[in-house]
C-alpha atoms as a PDB file:
ATOM      1  CA  MET A   1      29.485-233.944  18.278  1.00  0.00           C
ATOM      2  CA  ASP A   2      27.849-236.896  17.905  1.00  0.00           C
ATOM      3  CA  GLU A   3      30.610-239.239  18.302  1.00  0.00           C
ATOM      4  CA  PHE A   4      31.457-237.158  21.477  1.00  0.00           C
ATOM      5  CA  GLN A   5      27.977-237.522  23.401  1.00  0.00           C
ATOM      6  CA  LYS A   6      28.126-241.449  22.711  1.00  0.00           C
ATOM      7  CA  HIS A   7      31.640-241.244  24.223  1.00  0.00           C
ATOM      8  CA  ILE A   8      30.097-239.697  27.160  1.00  0.00           C
ATOM      9  CA  SER A   9      27.546-242.132  27.314  1.00  0.00           C
ATOM     10  CA  GLN A  10      28.658-244.559  27.401  1.00  0.00           C
ATOM     11  CA  LEU A  11      31.562-244.071  30.024  1.00  0.00           C
ATOM     12  CA  ARG A  12      31.620-246.554  32.386  1.00  0.00           C
ATOM     13  CA  ASP A  13      33.717-247.132  35.928  1.00  0.00           C
ATOM     14  CA  ASP A  14      33.235-250.272  38.092  1.00  0.00           C
ATOM     15  CA  PHE A  15      33.409-248.982  41.508  1.00  0.00           C
ATOM     16  CA  THR A  16      35.443-251.746  43.837  1.00  0.00           C
ATOM     17  CA  PHE A  17      37.808-249.548  46.370  1.00  0.00           C
ATOM     18  CA  SER A  18      35.639-250.261  49.183  1.00  0.00           C
ATOM     19  CA  THR A  19      32.720-250.965  50.879  1.00  0.00           C
ATOM     20  CA  LEU A  20      30.064-249.102  53.448  1.00  0.00           C
ATOM     21  CA  SER A  21      28.423-251.679  56.465  1.00  0.00           C
ATOM     22  CA  GLU A  22      25.311-250.847  59.111  1.00  0.00           C
ATOM     23  CA  LYS A  23      27.987-252.320  61.610  1.00  0.00           C
ATOM     24  CA  ASP A  24      30.926-250.501  60.747  1.00  0.00           C
ATOM     25  CA  VAL A  25      29.803-246.882  61.093  1.00  0.00           C
ATOM     26  CA  GLU A  26      30.251-244.610  63.372  1.00  0.00           C
ATOM     27  CA  ALA A  27      26.748-244.938  65.726  1.00  0.00           C
ATOM     28  CA  ASN A  28      27.303-240.344  65.430  1.00  0.00           C
ATOM     29  CA  PRO A  29      27.322-239.131  62.047  1.00  0.00           C
ATOM     30  CA  PHE A  30      29.849-236.642  62.803  1.00  0.00           C
ATOM     31  CA  PHE A  31      32.058-238.922  64.438  1.00  0.00           C
ATOM     32  CA  GLN A  32      31.803-240.757  60.362  1.00  0.00           C
ATOM     33  CA  PHE A  33      32.528-237.524  58.685  1.00  0.00           C
ATOM     34  CA  GLU A  34      35.402-237.022  60.645  1.00  0.00           C
ATOM     35  CA  LYS A  35      36.783-240.489  59.571  1.00  0.00           C
ATOM     36  CA  TRP A  36      35.892-240.394  56.376  1.00  0.00           C
ATOM     37  CA  LEU A  37      37.606-236.094  56.034  1.00  0.00           C
ATOM     38  CA  LEU A  38      40.891-237.931  57.822  1.00  0.00           C
ATOM     39  CA  GLU A  39      41.219-240.625  55.266  1.00  0.00           C
ATOM     40  CA  ALA A  40      40.214-238.393  52.251  1.00  0.00           C
ATOM     41  CA  VAL A  41      42.709-235.922  53.438  1.00  0.00           C
ATOM     42  CA  ALA A  42      45.576-239.133  53.725  1.00  0.00           C
ATOM     43  CA  TYR A  43      45.065-240.563  50.991  1.00  0.00           C
ATOM     44  CA  LYS A  44      45.900-236.849  49.368  1.00  0.00           C
ATOM     45  CA  VAL A  45      42.457-236.098  47.975  1.00  0.00           C
ATOM     46  CA  PRO A  46      42.902-232.939  45.980  1.00  0.00           C
ATOM     47  CA  GLU A  47      40.388-229.867  47.151  1.00  0.00           C
ATOM     48  CA  VAL A  48      39.678-232.678  49.866  1.00  0.00           C
ATOM     49  CA  GLN A  49      37.767-229.189  51.707  1.00  0.00           C
ATOM     50  CA  ALA A  50      35.710-228.225  48.522  1.00  0.00           C
ATOM     51  CA  MET A  51      32.059-228.668  49.370  1.00  0.00           C
ATOM     52  CA  GLN A  52      28.696-228.143  46.925  1.00  0.00           C
ATOM     53  CA  LEU A  53      26.593-225.979  48.692  1.00  0.00           C
ATOM     54  CA  CYS A  54      23.172-225.875  47.584  1.00  0.00           C
ATOM     55  CA  THR A  55      20.657-222.777  48.110  1.00  0.00           C
ATOM     56  CA  VAL A  56      16.816-222.347  47.155  1.00  0.00           C
ATOM     57  CA  SER A  57      15.739-218.830  46.427  1.00  0.00           C
ATOM     58  CA  GLU A  58      12.164-217.145  47.656  1.00  0.00           C
ATOM     59  CA  ARG A  59      10.636-217.847  44.276  1.00  0.00           C
ATOM     60  CA  ASN A  60      12.393-221.880  45.073  1.00  0.00           C
ATOM     61  CA  SER A  61      14.578-221.636  42.461  1.00  0.00           C
ATOM     62  CA  PRO A  62      17.129-223.944  43.391  1.00  0.00           C
ATOM     63  CA  SER A  63      21.089-223.180  42.909  1.00  0.00           C
ATOM     64  CA  SER A  64      24.527-224.799  43.827  1.00  0.00           C
ATOM     65  CA  ARG A  65      28.397-223.889  43.669  1.00  0.00           C
ATOM     66  CA  ILE A  66      31.106-225.257  45.088  1.00  0.00           C
ATOM     67  CA  VAL A  67      32.488-223.296  48.817  1.00  0.00           C
ATOM     68  CA  TYR A  68      35.189-224.608  50.737  1.00  0.00           C
ATOM     69  CA  LEU A  69      34.724-225.817  54.896  1.00  0.00           C
ATOM     70  CA  ARG A  70      36.970-224.158  56.975  1.00  0.00           C
ATOM     71  CA  GLU A  71      35.607-225.077  60.677  1.00  0.00           C
ATOM     72  CA  PHE A  72      33.605-227.823  61.471  1.00  0.00           C
ATOM     73  CA  LYS A  73      32.446-228.993  64.874  1.00  0.00           C
ATOM     74  CA  ASN A  74      29.709-230.608  66.710  1.00  0.00           C
ATOM     75  CA  HIS A  75      27.555-231.401  63.675  1.00  0.00           C
ATOM     76  CA  GLN A  76      28.340-227.374  62.296  1.00  0.00           C
ATOM     77  CA  PHE A  77      29.938-226.345  59.006  1.00  0.00           C
ATOM     78  CA  THR A  78      31.459-223.306  58.170  1.00  0.00           C
ATOM     79  CA  PHE A  79      32.110-221.564  55.179  1.00  0.00           C
ATOM     80  CA  TYR A  80      32.241-217.654  54.345  1.00  0.00           C
ATOM     81  CA  GLY A  81      31.452-215.503  51.276  1.00  0.00           C
ATOM     82  CA  ASN A  82      29.520-212.512  50.676  1.00  0.00           C
ATOM     83  CA  TYR A  83      26.297-211.747  52.642  1.00  0.00           C
ATOM     84  CA  LEU A  84      24.890-209.771  49.528  1.00  0.00           C
ATOM     85  CA  SER A  85      25.801-212.790  47.194  1.00  0.00           C
ATOM     86  CA  LYS A  86      23.051-215.000  45.251  1.00  0.00           C
ATOM     87  CA  LYS A  87      24.154-217.737  48.177  1.00  0.00           C
ATOM     88  CA  GLY A  88      23.208-215.184  51.033  1.00  0.00           C
ATOM     89  CA  ILE A  89      20.817-213.755  49.826  1.00  0.00           C
ATOM     90  CA  HIS A  90      18.511-217.313  49.133  1.00  0.00           C
ATOM     91  CA  LEU A  91      20.197-217.693  53.209  1.00  0.00           C
ATOM     92  CA  GLU A  92      19.109-214.745  54.247  1.00  0.00           C
ATOM     93  CA  HIS A  93      15.260-215.663  52.623  1.00  0.00           C
ATOM     94  CA  ASN A  94      15.387-219.853  53.358  1.00  0.00           C
ATOM     95  CA  PRO A  95      18.120-221.273  55.640  1.00  0.00           C
ATOM     96  CA  ASN A  96      17.957-224.568  54.564  1.00  0.00           C
ATOM     97  CA  ALA A  97      20.637-226.051  52.505  1.00  0.00           C
ATOM     98  CA  ALA A  98      22.518-228.586  51.426  1.00  0.00           C
ATOM     99  CA  LEU A  99      26.274-229.238  51.066  1.00  0.00           C
ATOM    100  CA  SER A 100      27.727-232.202  49.561  1.00  0.00           C
ATOM    101  CA  PHE A 101      31.677-233.113  48.910  1.00  0.00           C
ATOM    102  CA  PHE A 102      32.614-235.874  46.244  1.00  0.00           C
ATOM    103  CA  TRP A 103      35.755-237.882  46.399  1.00  0.00           C
ATOM    104  CA  PRO A 104      36.195-239.815  43.611  1.00  0.00           C
ATOM    105  CA  GLN A 105      39.426-240.697  44.342  1.00  0.00           C
ATOM    106  CA  LEU A 106      37.898-242.910  47.156  1.00  0.00           C
ATOM    107  CA  GLU A 107      34.750-243.293  45.053  1.00  0.00           C
ATOM    108  CA  ARG A 108      32.736-241.766  47.983  1.00  0.00           C
ATOM    109  CA  GLN A 109      30.725-238.967  48.445  1.00  0.00           C
ATOM    110  CA  ILE A 110      28.705-237.650  51.454  1.00  0.00           C
ATOM    111  CA  ARG A 111      25.214-235.405  51.549  1.00  0.00           C
ATOM    112  CA  ILE A 112      25.033-233.057  54.073  1.00  0.00           C
ATOM    113  CA  GLU A 113      21.517-231.431  55.123  1.00  0.00           C
ATOM    114  CA  GLY A 114      20.356-228.874  57.745  1.00  0.00           C
ATOM    115  CA  VAL A 115      19.654-225.173  58.709  1.00  0.00           C
ATOM    116  CA  VAL A 116      21.810-221.826  58.169  1.00  0.00           C
ATOM    117  CA  LYS A 117      22.096-219.004  60.157  1.00  0.00           C
ATOM    118  CA  LYS A 118      25.046-216.328  59.595  1.00  0.00           C
ATOM    119  CA  ILE A 119      28.217-216.644  62.586  1.00  0.00           C
ATOM    120  CA  SER A 120      29.017-214.032  64.585  1.00  0.00           C
ATOM    121  CA  ALA A 121      30.911-210.783  63.981  1.00  0.00           C
ATOM    122  CA  GLU A 122      34.269-211.845  65.848  1.00  0.00           C
ATOM    123  CA  LEU A 123      34.853-215.416  64.738  1.00  0.00           C
ATOM    124  CA  SER A 124      34.076-213.877  61.073  1.00  0.00           C
ATOM    125  CA  ASP A 125      36.800-211.225  62.519  1.00  0.00           C
ATOM    126  CA  GLN A 126      38.942-213.930  63.345  1.00  0.00           C
ATOM    127  CA  TYR A 127      38.980-216.236  59.973  1.00  0.00           C
ATOM    128  CA  PHE A 128      38.585-212.787  58.214  1.00  0.00           C
ATOM    129  CA  ASN A 129      42.298-211.757  59.531  1.00  0.00           C
ATOM    130  CA  SER A 130      44.334-215.075  58.955  1.00  0.00           C
ATOM    131  CA  ARG A 131      43.262-215.101  55.353  1.00  0.00           C
ATOM    132  CA  PRO A 132      45.926-213.457  52.885  1.00  0.00           C
ATOM    133  CA  ARG A 133      46.314-209.947  52.919  1.00  0.00           C
ATOM    134  CA  GLU A 134      45.469-210.305  48.590  1.00  0.00           C
ATOM    135  CA  SER A 135      41.864-211.760  49.705  1.00  0.00           C
ATOM    136  CA  GLN A 136      41.336-209.746  51.838  1.00  0.00           C
ATOM    137  CA  ILE A 137      41.312-206.678  49.199  1.00  0.00           C
ATOM    138  CA  GLY A 138      39.378-208.842  47.464  1.00  0.00           C
ATOM    139  CA  ALA A 139      36.497-209.230  49.633  1.00  0.00           C
ATOM    140  CA  TRP A 140      36.148-205.317  49.237  1.00  0.00           C
ATOM    141  CA  ALA A 141      36.560-205.101  45.581  1.00  0.00           C
ATOM    142  CA  SER A 142      34.358-207.900  44.526  1.00  0.00           C
ATOM    143  CA  ASN A 143      30.280-206.975  44.961  1.00  0.00           C
ATOM    144  CA  GLN A 144      29.960-210.585  44.432  1.00  0.00           C
ATOM    145  CA  SER A 145      27.364-212.412  42.132  1.00  0.00           C
ATOM    146  CA  GLU A 146      26.499-208.319  40.799  1.00  0.00           C
ATOM    147  CA  THR A 147      26.967-207.645  36.797  1.00  0.00           C
ATOM    148  CA  ILE A 148      30.153-206.262  35.593  1.00  0.00           C
ATOM    149  CA  LEU A 149      31.031-204.544  32.491  1.00  0.00           C
ATOM    150  CA  THR A 150      34.547-205.677  32.239  1.00  0.00           C
ATOM    151  CA  ARG A 151      36.982-207.163  34.161  1.00  0.00           C
ATOM    152  CA  ASN A 152      39.284-204.136  34.402  1.00  0.00           C
ATOM    153  CA  GLU A 153      36.544-203.224  36.129  1.00  0.00           C
ATOM    154  CA  LEU A 154      36.799-205.107  38.458  1.00  0.00           C
ATOM    155  CA  GLU A 155      41.123-204.857  38.411  1.00  0.00           C
ATOM    156  CA  GLU A 156      40.699-200.595  38.956  1.00  0.00           C
ATOM    157  CA  LYS A 157      38.549-201.603  42.395  1.00  0.00           C
ATOM    158  CA  ASN A 158      41.113-203.707  43.924  1.00  0.00           C
ATOM    159  CA  ILE A 159      43.382-200.978  42.803  1.00  0.00           C
ATOM    160  CA  HIS A 160      41.566-198.294  44.714  1.00  0.00           C
ATOM    161  CA  PHE A 161      41.298-200.520  47.904  1.00  0.00           C
ATOM    162  CA  GLU A 162      44.982-201.255  47.765  1.00  0.00           C
ATOM    163  CA  LYS A 163      45.432-198.086  48.307  1.00  0.00           C
ATOM    164  CA  GLN A 164      43.293-197.284  50.778  1.00  0.00           C
ATOM    165  CA  PHE A 165      44.175-200.025  52.741  1.00  0.00           C
ATOM    166  CA  LYS A 166      48.125-198.815  52.606  1.00  0.00           C
ATOM    167  CA  ASN A 167      50.502-199.430  55.459  1.00  0.00           C
ATOM    168  CA  ILE A 168      47.475-200.518  57.202  1.00  0.00           C
ATOM    169  CA  PRO A 169      45.769-203.688  58.245  1.00  0.00           C
ATOM    170  CA  VAL A 170      42.803-204.686  55.976  1.00  0.00           C
ATOM    171  CA  THR A 171      39.865-204.681  58.150  1.00  0.00           C
ATOM    172  CA  ARG A 172      36.685-206.784  57.187  1.00  0.00           C
ATOM    173  CA  PRO A 173      34.050-205.673  54.907  1.00  0.00           C
ATOM    174  CA  PRO A 174      30.556-205.529  57.097  1.00  0.00           C
ATOM    175  CA  HIS A 175      28.446-207.777  54.010  1.00  0.00           C
ATOM    176  CA  TRP A 176      31.424-210.369  54.122  1.00  0.00           C
ATOM    177  CA  GLY A 177      31.831-212.898  57.085  1.00  0.00           C
ATOM    178  CA  GLY A 178      30.620-216.510  58.052  1.00  0.00           C
ATOM    179  CA  TRP A 179      27.788-218.986  58.296  1.00  0.00           C
ATOM    180  CA  SER A 180      27.244-222.346  60.059  1.00  0.00           C
ATOM    181  CA  LEU A 181      25.209-224.451  58.735  1.00  0.00           C
ATOM    182  CA  GLU A 182      23.422-226.884  61.470  1.00  0.00           C
ATOM    183  CA  ALA A 183      22.897-230.924  60.067  1.00  0.00           C
ATOM    184  CA  ASN A 184      19.963-232.132  60.699  1.00  0.00           C
ATOM    185  CA  TYR A 185      20.489-235.308  57.901  1.00  0.00           C
ATOM    186  CA  TYR A 186      23.936-237.023  56.385  1.00  0.00           C
ATOM    187  CA  GLU A 187      24.353-239.547  54.125  1.00  0.00           C
ATOM    188  CA  PHE A 188      27.315-241.523  53.070  1.00  0.00           C
ATOM    189  CA  TRP A 189      27.527-243.379  49.876  1.00  0.00           C
ATOM    190  CA  GLN A 190      30.487-245.855  49.132  1.00  0.00           C
ATOM    191  CA  GLY A 191      30.741-247.027  45.202  1.00  0.00           C
ATOM    192  CA  ARG A 192      30.425-250.784  44.289  1.00  0.00           C
ATOM    193  CA  LYS A 193      30.222-252.570  41.853  1.00  0.00           C
ATOM    194  CA  SER A 194      27.393-252.600  39.058  1.00  0.00           C
ATOM    195  CA  ARG A 195      26.054-249.945  40.748  1.00  0.00           C
ATOM    196  CA  LEU A 196      24.877-251.671  43.855  1.00  0.00           C
ATOM    197  CA  HIS A 197      26.200-248.803  45.716  1.00  0.00           C
ATOM    198  CA  ASP A 198      26.217-248.549  49.908  1.00  0.00           C
ATOM    199  CA  ARG A 199      24.497-245.474  50.670  1.00  0.00           C
ATOM    200  CA  ILE A 200      23.773-244.632  54.704  1.00  0.00           C
ATOM    201  CA  SER A 201      21.358-242.443  55.871  1.00  0.00           C
ATOM    202  CA  TYR A 202      21.396-240.704  59.662  1.00  0.00           C
ATOM    203  CA  SER A 203      18.403-238.421  60.460  1.00  0.00           C
ATOM    204  CA  LEU A 204      18.250-236.503  63.633  1.00  0.00           C
ATOM    205  CA  THR A 205      14.636-237.349  65.356  1.00  0.00           C
ATOM    206  CA  GLU A 206      13.532-236.754  68.635  1.00  0.00           C
ATOM    207  CA  ASN A 207      17.744-235.342  69.168  1.00  0.00           C
ATOM    208  CA  SER A 208      18.195-238.666  68.555  1.00  0.00           C
ATOM    209  CA  TRP A 209      20.630-240.071  65.114  1.00  0.00           C
ATOM    210  CA  GLN A 210      18.170-242.911  63.013  1.00  0.00           C
ATOM    211  CA  LEU A 211      20.321-244.729  60.677  1.00  0.00           C
ATOM    212  CA  ASN A 212      19.084-246.633  58.023  1.00  0.00           C
ATOM    213  CA  ARG A 213      20.311-248.053  54.744  1.00  0.00           C
ATOM    214  CA  LEU A 214      19.003-246.839  51.436  1.00  0.00           C
ATOM    215  CA  ALA A 215      18.512-248.345  47.976  1.00  0.00           C
ATOM    216  CA  PRO A 216      21.390-247.711  45.649  1.00  0.00           C
END
């Protein structure tokens, strides 16, 4: 174990893929996000839509997990899940949250902060109806974040709802739907040699985006 810990502590990669300067970025950070996302898709970055969602409980305890970005428009970033899950309970008490994307193939990271709110039932229905049937059943079977005794308990509930919805459309559970984070802060990180990384931030101040370079 000591040798393994030594190995981990000595892992080093010098970042030389690209650079990021104030004169090259978009004035609107949402357009810069779209630009980088398109480049990540073109580069075939795996799980490009995966993002870390960080929330804070009513006791000010932070928690993070990976969720999928499903829609994005006009500084709104939408994801879906169980409203009764840990993230759902956190967001109900404290709507302030943060997202982060990490694309190691491009040596890039994007951080986004903002305020989260539930999207409309109509939009949640539209997305739920587009999901594979197995995923729709799973949304009914899983009381996300709750303790279960065995895997069999989950599988038995899945079978129960498969029978309940046999030969009929699966409706969206009332406890399942979408949230949208409205961004008020962006940060674009481009890895650079010798850890002298490029960091460009955008802060929303009086309806205007203020651009700054940050020390790495």
